[in-house]
């Protein structure tokens, strides 16, 4: 038995807005630059990022201790190689 596509199965006949048309209209209007973030906000975001990065490294060290040990050994070797 063959089914014919109905309104539910067939392609939508609703008009779709061109995604580029909105960009062209917005480009014609004067756009204010976003406000610059303050130094304190930048430092706060950086502190959060570094805290999360350290947490991720600790988690990796806990989950994969063998790889972490190998990584530490390679890093120590690199440090010894370039020491004067």
Protein backbone atom coordinates (compact mmCIF):
# COMPACT_ATOMS: atom_id res chain seq x y z
CA UNK A 1 0.00 0.00 0.00
CA UNK A 2 1.46 3.34 -1.07
CA UNK A 3 1.15 6.49 1.01
CA UNK A 4 0.87 9.88 -0.53
CA UNK A 5 2.51 12.69 1.39
CA UNK A 6 -0.05 14.72 3.23
CA UNK A 7 0.28 18.10 4.90
CA UNK A 8 2.06 16.49 7.86
CA UNK A 9 4.53 14.44 5.79
CA UNK A 10 5.20 16.86 2.93
CA UNK A 11 7.44 19.90 2.78
CA UNK A 12 6.28 22.96 4.59
CA UNK A 13 4.73 25.63 2.40
CA UNK A 14 5.35 28.38 4.94
CA UNK A 15 7.51 31.23 3.63
CA UNK A 16 10.98 31.17 5.15
CA UNK A 17 12.72 34.47 5.74
CA UNK A 18 16.07 34.88 4.05
CA UNK A 19 18.70 34.78 6.84
CA UNK A 20 20.85 37.29 4.93
CA UNK A 21 18.09 39.86 4.55
CA UNK A 22 18.09 40.74 8.26
CA UNK A 23 21.84 41.25 8.18
CA UNK A 24 21.60 43.67 5.29
CA UNK A 25 18.98 45.75 7.05
CA UNK A 26 20.99 45.83 10.25
CA UNK A 27 24.14 46.82 8.40
CA UNK A 28 22.43 49.90 6.93
CA UNK A 29 21.50 51.18 10.41
CA UNK A 30 24.18 52.77 12.58
CA UNK A 31 25.33 50.22 15.13
CA UNK A 32 26.83 51.18 18.48
CA UNK A 33 29.91 49.21 19.46
CA UNK A 34 29.42 46.96 22.48
CA UNK A 35 30.53 48.59 25.73
CA UNK A 36 34.10 47.77 26.70
CA UNK A 37 34.38 45.51 29.72
CA UNK A 38 36.18 46.90 32.69
CA UNK A 39 39.53 45.58 33.85
CA UNK A 40 37.89 44.16 36.99
CA UNK A 41 35.36 42.18 34.91
CA UNK A 42 38.12 40.82 32.70
CA UNK A 43 40.17 39.76 35.73
CA UNK A 44 37.12 38.12 37.32
CA UNK A 45 36.34 36.13 34.16
CA UNK A 46 40.02 35.14 33.86
CA UNK A 47 40.12 33.99 37.50
CA UNK A 48 37.02 31.84 36.96
CA UNK A 49 38.53 30.36 33.80
CA UNK A 50 41.84 29.55 35.50
CA UNK A 51 40.03 28.03 38.49
CA UNK A 52 37.98 25.77 36.20
CA UNK A 53 41.09 24.84 34.22
CA UNK A 54 42.94 23.83 37.38
CA UNK A 55 39.91 21.82 38.50
CA UNK A 56 39.83 20.01 35.14
CA UNK A 57 43.53 19.19 35.41
CA UNK A 58 43.05 17.80 38.93
CA UNK A 59 40.16 15.67 37.72
CA UNK A 60 42.26 14.36 34.82
CA UNK A 61 45.08 13.54 37.23
CA UNK A 62 42.66 11.61 39.44
CA UNK A 63 41.00 9.75 36.57
CA UNK A 64 44.14 8.93 34.55
CA UNK A 65 47.02 8.69 37.05
CA UNK A 66 49.33 6.73 34.72
CA UNK A 67 49.06 9.26 31.90
CA UNK A 68 49.53 12.08 34.38
CA UNK A 69 52.73 10.50 35.69
CA UNK A 70 54.04 10.09 32.14
CA UNK A 71 53.13 13.71 31.38
CA UNK A 72 55.00 14.91 34.50
CA UNK A 73 58.06 12.84 33.54
CA UNK A 74 58.10 14.25 30.00
CA UNK A 75 57.72 17.79 31.30
CA UNK A 76 60.58 17.27 33.77
CA UNK A 77 62.74 15.92 30.96
CA UNK A 78 61.97 18.95 28.81
CA UNK A 79 62.81 21.28 31.69
CA UNK A 80 66.15 19.52 32.26
CA UNK A 81 66.95 19.64 28.56
CA UNK A 82 66.79 23.44 28.36
CA UNK A 83 68.36 24.23 31.74
CA UNK A 84 71.64 26.12 31.56
